[in-house]
PDB file of N, CA and C in Angstrom:
ATOM      1  N   MET A   1      62.320 -14.237  20.356  1.00  0.00           N
ATOM      2  CA  MET A   1      63.015 -13.177  21.309  1.00  0.00           C
ATOM      3  C   MET A   1      64.559 -13.131  21.484  1.00  0.00           C
ATOM      4  N   GLY A   2      64.814 -11.668  21.400  1.00  0.00           N
ATOM      5  CA  GLY A   2      66.037 -11.451  21.504  1.00  0.00           C
ATOM      6  C   GLY A   2      66.840 -11.666  22.769  1.00  0.00           C
ATOM      7  N   PHE A   3      68.026 -11.536  22.834  1.00  0.00           N
ATOM      8  CA  PHE A   3      68.937 -11.129  24.371  1.00  0.00           C
ATOM      9  C   PHE A   3      68.672  -9.843  24.724  1.00  0.00           C
ATOM     10  N   TYR A   4      68.869  -9.738  25.955  1.00  0.00           N
ATOM     11  CA  TYR A   4      68.876  -8.592  26.656  1.00  0.00           C
ATOM     12  C   TYR A   4      69.916  -8.438  27.790  1.00  0.00           C
ATOM     13  N   TYR A   5      70.230  -7.283  28.495  1.00  0.00           N
ATOM     14  CA  TYR A   5      71.086  -7.297  29.264  1.00  0.00           C
ATOM     15  C   TYR A   5      70.756  -6.052  30.378  1.00  0.00           C
ATOM     16  N   ARG A   6      70.821  -6.368  31.486  1.00  0.00           N
ATOM     17  CA  ARG A   6      70.444  -5.022  32.362  1.00  0.00           C
ATOM     18  C   ARG A   6      70.931  -5.292  33.710  1.00  0.00           C
ATOM     19  N   LYS A   7      71.481  -4.266  33.871  1.00  0.00           N
ATOM     20  CA  LYS A   7      72.357  -4.341  35.371  1.00  0.00           C
ATOM     21  C   LYS A   7      71.969  -2.921  36.153  1.00  0.00           C
ATOM     22  N   SER A   8      71.549  -3.175  37.278  1.00  0.00           N
ATOM     23  CA  SER A   8      70.900  -2.038  38.314  1.00  0.00           C
ATOM     24  C   SER A   8      71.925  -2.146  39.475  1.00  0.00           C
ATOM     25  N   VAL A   9      72.190  -0.703  39.839  1.00  0.00           N
ATOM     26  CA  VAL A   9      72.794  -0.193  41.115  1.00  0.00           C
ATOM     27  C   VAL A   9      72.027   0.632  42.095  1.00  0.00           C
ATOM     28  N   ASN A  10      71.768   0.072  43.181  1.00  0.00           N
ATOM     29  CA  ASN A  10      71.218   0.631  44.379  1.00  0.00           C
ATOM     30  C   ASN A  10      71.867   1.643  45.045  1.00  0.00           C
ATOM     31  N   LEU A  11      71.296   2.859  45.067  1.00  0.00           N
ATOM     32  CA  LEU A  11      71.997   3.870  45.897  1.00  0.00           C
ATOM     33  C   LEU A  11      70.817   4.503  47.039  1.00  0.00           C
ATOM     34  N   GLY A  12      70.447   3.473  47.895  1.00  0.00           N
ATOM     35  CA  GLY A  12      69.764   4.227  48.772  1.00  0.00           C
ATOM     36  C   GLY A  12      68.244   4.111  48.020  1.00  0.00           C
ATOM     37  N   PRO A  13      67.537   5.220  48.044  1.00  0.00           N
ATOM     38  CA  PRO A  13      65.953   4.984  47.209  1.00  0.00           C
ATOM     39  C   PRO A  13      66.357   5.121  45.888  1.00  0.00           C
ATOM     40  N   PHE A  14      67.455   5.569  45.293  1.00  0.00           N
ATOM     41  CA  PHE A  14      67.819   5.583  43.792  1.00  0.00           C
ATOM     42  C   PHE A  14      68.339   4.644  43.293  1.00  0.00           C
ATOM     43  N   ARG A  15      67.989   4.139  41.956  1.00  0.00           N
ATOM     44  CA  ARG A  15      68.524   3.079  41.403  1.00  0.00           C
ATOM     45  C   ARG A  15      68.896   3.386  39.902  1.00  0.00           C
ATOM     46  N   VAL A  16      70.120   3.129  39.649  1.00  0.00           N
ATOM     47  CA  VAL A  16      70.678   3.498  38.265  1.00  0.00           C
ATOM     48  C   VAL A  16      70.569   2.038  37.596  1.00  0.00           C
ATOM     49  N   ASN A  17      69.964   2.024  36.471  1.00  0.00           N
ATOM     50  CA  ASN A  17      69.990   0.812  35.281  1.00  0.00           C
ATOM     51  C   ASN A  17      70.548   1.002  34.415  1.00  0.00           C
ATOM     52  N   LEU A  18      71.433   0.141  33.892  1.00  0.00           N
ATOM     53  CA  LEU A  18      72.167   0.138  32.545  1.00  0.00           C
ATOM     54  C   LEU A  18      71.748  -1.096  31.834  1.00  0.00           C
ATOM     55  N   SER A  19      71.391  -0.765  30.603  1.00  0.00           N
ATOM     56  CA  SER A  19      71.021  -1.599  29.846  1.00  0.00           C
ATOM     57  C   SER A  19      71.654  -1.370  28.493  1.00  0.00           C
ATOM     58  N   LYS A  20      71.573  -2.220  27.639  1.00  0.00           N
ATOM     59  CA  LYS A  20      71.856  -2.056  25.946  1.00  0.00           C
ATOM     60  C   LYS A  20      71.611  -0.998  25.262  1.00  0.00           C
ATOM     61  N   SER A  21      70.166  -0.100  25.548  1.00  0.00           N
ATOM     62  CA  SER A  21      69.451   0.994  25.138  1.00  0.00           C
ATOM     63  C   SER A  21      70.234   2.356  25.956  1.00  0.00           C
ATOM     64  N   GLY A  22      70.949   1.961  27.017  1.00  0.00           N
ATOM     65  CA  GLY A  22      71.565   3.164  27.734  1.00  0.00           C
ATOM     66  C   GLY A  22      71.472   3.286  29.080  1.00  0.00           C
ATOM     67  N   LEU A  23      71.409   4.205  29.888  1.00  0.00           N
ATOM     68  CA  LEU A  23      71.209   4.639  31.098  1.00  0.00           C
ATOM     69  C   LEU A  23      69.911   5.221  31.771  1.00  0.00           C
ATOM     70  N   GLY A  24      69.143   4.637  32.808  1.00  0.00           N
ATOM     71  CA  GLY A  24      67.732   4.958  33.145  1.00  0.00           C
ATOM     72  C   GLY A  24      67.993   5.013  34.280  1.00  0.00           C
ATOM     73  N   TYR A  25      67.412   5.944  35.052  1.00  0.00           N
ATOM     74  CA  TYR A  25      67.074   5.831  36.396  1.00  0.00           C
ATOM     75  C   TYR A  25      65.750   5.927  37.143  1.00  0.00           C
ATOM     76  N   SER A  26      65.688   5.407  38.704  1.00  0.00           N
ATOM     77  CA  SER A  26      64.244   5.449  39.117  1.00  0.00           C
ATOM     78  C   SER A  26      64.578   5.889  40.617  1.00  0.00           C
ATOM     79  N   VAL A  27      63.774   6.244  41.426  1.00  0.00           N
ATOM     80  CA  VAL A  27      63.569   6.599  42.677  1.00  0.00           C
ATOM     81  C   VAL A  27      62.242   5.901  43.628  1.00  0.00           C
ATOM     82  N   GLY A  28      62.454   5.310  44.660  1.00  0.00           N
ATOM     83  CA  GLY A  28      61.352   4.699  45.414  1.00  0.00           C
ATOM     84  C   GLY A  28      61.726   3.372  46.389  1.00  0.00           C
ATOM     85  N   GLY A  29      60.957   2.860  46.669  1.00  0.00           N
ATOM     86  CA  GLY A  29      61.381   1.735  47.586  1.00  0.00           C
ATOM     87  C   GLY A  29      60.406   0.357  47.155  1.00  0.00           C
ATOM     88  N   ARG A  30      60.650  -0.576  48.082  1.00  0.00           N
ATOM     89  CA  ARG A  30      59.843  -1.594  47.934  1.00  0.00           C
ATOM     90  C   ARG A  30      58.258  -1.458  47.318  1.00  0.00           C
ATOM     91  N   GLY A  31      57.835  -1.965  46.557  1.00  0.00           N
ATOM     92  CA  GLY A  31      56.448  -1.833  46.248  1.00  0.00           C
ATOM     93  C   GLY A  31      55.979  -0.360  45.611  1.00  0.00           C
ATOM     94  N   PHE A  32      56.818   0.485  45.402  1.00  0.00           N
ATOM     95  CA  PHE A  32      56.605   1.678  44.362  1.00  0.00           C
ATOM     96  C   PHE A  32      57.840   2.498  43.893  1.00  0.00           C
ATOM     97  N   ARG A  33      57.969   2.899  42.969  1.00  0.00           N
ATOM     98  CA  ARG A  33      58.759   3.388  42.149  1.00  0.00           C
ATOM     99  C   ARG A  33      58.473   4.009  40.841  1.00  0.00           C
ATOM    100  N   VAL A  34      59.101   5.424  40.589  1.00  0.00           N
ATOM    101  CA  VAL A  34      58.971   6.079  39.769  1.00  0.00           C
ATOM    102  C   VAL A  34      60.208   6.494  38.923  1.00  0.00           C
ATOM    103  N   GLY A  35      60.256   6.248  37.583  1.00  0.00           N
ATOM    104  CA  GLY A  35      61.599   6.375  36.899  1.00  0.00           C
ATOM    105  C   GLY A  35      61.401   7.079  35.252  1.00  0.00           C
ATOM    106  N   THR A  36      62.626   6.853  34.757  1.00  0.00           N
ATOM    107  CA  THR A  36      62.852   7.103  33.284  1.00  0.00           C
ATOM    108  C   THR A  36      63.662   5.738  32.909  1.00  0.00           C
ATOM    109  N   THR A  37      63.145   5.376  31.763  1.00  0.00           N
ATOM    110  CA  THR A  37      63.924   4.327  31.084  1.00  0.00           C
ATOM    111  C   THR A  37      65.233   4.927  30.153  1.00  0.00           C
ATOM    112  N   ALA A  38      65.932   4.284  29.621  1.00  0.00           N
ATOM    113  CA  ALA A  38      66.995   4.485  28.914  1.00  0.00           C
ATOM    114  C   ALA A  38      66.674   5.509  27.593  1.00  0.00           C
ATOM    115  N   ARG A  39      65.484   5.199  27.264  1.00  0.00           N
ATOM    116  CA  ARG A  39      65.071   5.635  26.018  1.00  0.00           C
ATOM    117  C   ARG A  39      64.394   7.009  26.421  1.00  0.00           C
ATOM    118  N   GLY A  40      64.100   7.272  27.814  1.00  0.00           N
ATOM    119  CA  GLY A  40      63.510   8.388  28.180  1.00  0.00           C
ATOM    120  C   GLY A  40      62.042   8.474  28.408  1.00  0.00           C
ATOM    121  N   LYS A  41      61.350   7.327  28.260  1.00  0.00           N
ATOM    122  CA  LYS A  41      59.882   7.252  28.702  1.00  0.00           C
ATOM    123  C   LYS A  41      59.719   6.934  30.227  1.00  0.00           C
ATOM    124  N   LYS A  42      59.084   8.041  30.793  1.00  0.00           N
ATOM    125  CA  LYS A  42      58.580   7.878  32.164  1.00  0.00           C
ATOM    126  C   LYS A  42      57.536   6.834  32.504  1.00  0.00           C
ATOM    127  N   TYR A  43      57.948   6.396  33.752  1.00  0.00           N
ATOM    128  CA  TYR A  43      57.022   5.469  34.193  1.00  0.00           C
ATOM    129  C   TYR A  43      56.739   5.341  35.734  1.00  0.00           C
ATOM    130  N   THR A  44      55.723   4.836  36.223  1.00  0.00           N
ATOM    131  CA  THR A  44      55.439   4.551  37.639  1.00  0.00           C
ATOM    132  C   THR A  44      55.148   3.022  37.602  1.00  0.00           C
ATOM    133  N   ASN A  45      55.642   2.585  38.812  1.00  0.00           N
ATOM    134  CA  ASN A  45      55.631   0.938  39.419  1.00  0.00           C
ATOM    135  C   ASN A  45      54.962   0.679  40.406  1.00  0.00           C
ATOM    136  N   PHE A  46      53.807   0.139  40.604  1.00  0.00           N
ATOM    137  CA  PHE A  46      53.508  -0.161  41.810  1.00  0.00           C
ATOM    138  C   PHE A  46      53.531  -1.651  41.997  1.00  0.00           C
ATOM    139  N   SER A  47      53.780  -2.448  42.834  1.00  0.00           N
ATOM    140  CA  SER A  47      53.889  -3.610  43.267  1.00  0.00           C
ATOM    141  C   SER A  47      53.533  -4.409  44.693  1.00  0.00           C
ATOM    142  N   ILE A  48      53.163  -5.370  45.057  1.00  0.00           N
ATOM    143  CA  ILE A  48      52.972  -6.381  46.141  1.00  0.00           C
ATOM    144  C   ILE A  48      54.185  -6.674  46.396  1.00  0.00           C
ATOM    145  N   PRO A  49      55.095  -6.365  47.410  1.00  0.00           N
ATOM    146  CA  PRO A  49      56.397  -7.059  47.720  1.00  0.00           C
ATOM    147  C   PRO A  49      56.002  -8.743  47.877  1.00  0.00           C
ATOM    148  N   GLY A  50      57.115  -9.159  47.489  1.00  0.00           N
ATOM    149  CA  GLY A  50      57.012 -10.727  47.612  1.00  0.00           C
ATOM    150  C   GLY A  50      55.858 -11.500  47.104  1.00  0.00           C
ATOM    151  N   THR A  51      55.149 -11.163  46.036  1.00  0.00           N
ATOM    152  CA  THR A  51      54.176 -11.639  45.257  1.00  0.00           C
ATOM    153  C   THR A  51      54.374 -11.971  43.815  1.00  0.00           C
ATOM    154  N   GLY A  52      55.239 -10.676  43.219  1.00  0.00           N
ATOM    155  CA  GLY A  52      55.474 -11.017  42.022  1.00  0.00           C
ATOM    156  C   GLY A  52      53.982 -10.296  41.185  1.00  0.00           C
ATOM    157  N   VAL A  53      53.325  -9.814  42.071  1.00  0.00           N
ATOM    158  CA  VAL A  53      51.990  -8.925  41.541  1.00  0.00           C
ATOM    159  C   VAL A  53      52.386  -7.266  41.269  1.00  0.00           C
ATOM    160  N   GLY A  54      52.171  -6.849  40.119  1.00  0.00           N
ATOM    161  CA  GLY A  54      52.460  -5.451  39.976  1.00  0.00           C
ATOM    162  C   GLY A  54      51.910  -4.662  38.864  1.00  0.00           C
ATOM    163  N   TYR A  55      51.815  -3.534  38.891  1.00  0.00           N
ATOM    164  CA  TYR A  55      51.448  -2.916  37.627  1.00  0.00           C
ATOM    165  C   TYR A  55      52.411  -1.472  37.428  1.00  0.00           C
ATOM    166  N   ARG A  56      52.422  -1.447  36.188  1.00  0.00           N
ATOM    167  CA  ARG A  56      53.426  -0.494  35.736  1.00  0.00           C
ATOM    168  C   ARG A  56      52.634   0.487  34.558  1.00  0.00           C
ATOM    169  N   LYS A  57      52.763   1.729  34.577  1.00  0.00           N
ATOM    170  CA  LYS A  57      52.235   2.937  33.801  1.00  0.00           C
ATOM    171  C   LYS A  57      53.149   3.684  33.229  1.00  0.00           C
ATOM    172  N   SER A  58      53.104   3.368  32.027  1.00  0.00           N
ATOM    173  CA  SER A  58      54.148   4.563  31.235  1.00  0.00           C
ATOM    174  C   SER A  58      53.611   5.593  30.530  1.00  0.00           C
ATOM    175  N   GLY A  59      54.290   6.678  30.124  1.00  0.00           N
ATOM    176  CA  GLY A  59      53.666   7.940  29.629  1.00  0.00           C
ATOM    177  C   GLY A  59      52.836   9.259  30.515  1.00  0.00           C
ATOM    178  N   ALA A  60      52.167   9.644  30.005  1.00  0.00           N
ATOM    179  CA  ALA A  60      51.620  10.879  30.713  1.00  0.00           C
ATOM    180  C   ALA A  60      50.891  10.783  31.921  1.00  0.00           C
ATOM    181  N   GLY A  61      49.724   9.500  31.772  1.00  0.00           N
ATOM    182  CA  GLY A  61      48.963   8.959  32.959  1.00  0.00           C
ATOM    183  C   GLY A  61      49.650   8.619  34.395  1.00  0.00           C
ATOM    184  N   CYS A  62      51.029   8.329  34.062  1.00  0.00           N
ATOM    185  CA  CYS A  62      51.628   7.807  35.338  1.00  0.00           C
ATOM    186  C   CYS A  62      51.689   8.895  36.211  1.00  0.00           C
ATOM    187  N   LEU A  63      51.538  10.121  36.119  1.00  0.00           N
ATOM    188  CA  LEU A  63      51.885  11.123  37.154  1.00  0.00           C
ATOM    189  C   LEU A  63      50.228  11.257  37.715  1.00  0.00           C
ATOM    190  N   VAL A  64      49.113  10.872  37.390  1.00  0.00           N
ATOM    191  CA  VAL A  64      47.988  10.861  38.183  1.00  0.00           C
ATOM    192  C   VAL A  64      47.691   9.973  39.006  1.00  0.00           C
ATOM    193  N   PHE A  65      48.462   8.460  38.566  1.00  0.00           N
ATOM    194  CA  PHE A  65      48.956   7.235  39.511  1.00  0.00           C
ATOM    195  C   PHE A  65      49.473   7.720  40.514  1.00  0.00           C
ATOM    196  N   LEU A  66      50.499   8.362  40.410  1.00  0.00           N
ATOM    197  CA  LEU A  66      51.718   8.605  41.313  1.00  0.00           C
ATOM    198  C   LEU A  66      51.049   9.583  42.286  1.00  0.00           C
ATOM    199  N   ALA A  67      50.195  10.359  42.226  1.00  0.00           N
ATOM    200  CA  ALA A  67      49.398  11.177  43.269  1.00  0.00           C
ATOM    201  C   ALA A  67      48.403  10.524  44.099  1.00  0.00           C
ATOM    202  N   ALA A  68      47.927   9.236  43.730  1.00  0.00           N
ATOM    203  CA  ALA A  68      47.263   8.281  44.163  1.00  0.00           C
ATOM    204  C   ALA A  68      47.468   7.000  45.285  1.00  0.00           C
ATOM    205  N   VAL A  69      48.596   6.721  44.709  1.00  0.00           N
ATOM    206  CA  VAL A  69      49.397   5.582  45.353  1.00  0.00           C
ATOM    207  C   VAL A  69      50.009   6.119  46.885  1.00  0.00           C
ATOM    208  N   PRO A  70      50.457   7.166  47.005  1.00  0.00           N
ATOM    209  CA  PRO A  70      50.843   7.639  48.530  1.00  0.00           C
ATOM    210  C   PRO A  70      49.612   7.578  49.456  1.00  0.00           C
ATOM    211  N   VAL A  71      48.419   7.907  48.976  1.00  0.00           N
ATOM    212  CA  VAL A  71      47.151   7.568  50.033  1.00  0.00           C
ATOM    213  C   VAL A  71      46.957   6.413  50.083  1.00  0.00           C
ATOM    214  N   GLY A  72      46.987   5.447  49.202  1.00  0.00           N
ATOM    215  CA  GLY A  72      46.717   3.897  49.419  1.00  0.00           C
ATOM    216  C   GLY A  72      47.934   3.318  50.088  1.00  0.00           C
ATOM    217  N   ILE A  73      48.984   3.714  50.127  1.00  0.00           N
ATOM    218  CA  ILE A  73      50.185   3.046  50.762  1.00  0.00           C
ATOM    219  C   ILE A  73      50.107   3.533  52.395  1.00  0.00           C
ATOM    220  N   ALA A  74      49.638   4.622  52.340  1.00  0.00           N
ATOM    221  CA  ALA A  74      49.146   5.273  54.191  1.00  0.00           C
ATOM    222  C   ALA A  74      48.274   4.586  54.712  1.00  0.00           C
ATOM    223  N   ALA A  75      47.207   4.086  53.760  1.00  0.00           N
ATOM    224  CA  ALA A  75      45.974   3.436  54.487  1.00  0.00           C
ATOM    225  C   ALA A  75      46.208   2.026  54.742  1.00  0.00           C
ATOM    226  N   THR A  76      47.230   1.316  53.876  1.00  0.00           N
ATOM    227  CA  THR A  76      47.803   0.004  54.149  1.00  0.00           C
ATOM    228  C   THR A  76      48.561   0.146  55.400  1.00  0.00           C
ATOM    229  N   GLN A  77      49.415   1.080  55.543  1.00  0.00           N
ATOM    230  CA  GLN A  77      50.292   0.808  56.604  1.00  0.00           C
ATOM    231  C   GLN A  77      49.484   1.179  57.832  1.00  0.00           C
ATOM    232  N   LEU A  78      48.508   1.883  57.894  1.00  0.00           N
ATOM    233  CA  LEU A  78      47.468   2.250  59.073  1.00  0.00           C
ATOM    234  C   LEU A  78      46.852   0.748  59.282  1.00  0.00           C
ATOM    235  N   LEU A  79      46.179   0.245  58.211  1.00  0.00           N
ATOM    236  CA  LEU A  79      45.783  -1.071  58.692  1.00  0.00           C
ATOM    237  C   LEU A  79      46.452  -2.062  59.363  1.00  0.00           C
ATOM    238  N   LEU A  80      47.734  -2.163  58.797  1.00  0.00           N
ATOM    239  CA  LEU A  80      48.901  -3.363  59.247  1.00  0.00           C
ATOM    240  C   LEU A  80      49.067  -3.043  60.590  1.00  0.00           C
ATOM    241  N   THR A  81      49.244  -1.775  60.974  1.00  0.00           N
ATOM    242  CA  THR A  81      49.572  -1.256  62.539  1.00  0.00           C
ATOM    243  C   THR A  81      48.604  -1.416  63.502  1.00  0.00           C
ATOM    244  N   SER A  82      47.184  -1.717  63.206  1.00  0.00           N
ATOM    245  CA  SER A  82      46.324  -1.384  63.884  1.00  0.00           C
ATOM    246  C   SER A  82      46.276  -2.880  64.503  1.00  0.00           C
TER     247      SER A  82
END
């Protein structure tokens, strides 16, 4: 396994990632993020904050996942506030 370097800067909901490959960016909050890698690949990331458990989808299918996640997040928030 080779060495790697990654540094990120948070600007509100936006994150700029600097790596050996270049500059990437993403937008989102805790548990959900959509972005582009330094090499131009699109991705969607969904995780359960504080657990280390998550799911990352790259490529064209990430848009379908993107459409489904806000519904799941809204349902979770509704259950937590009840």
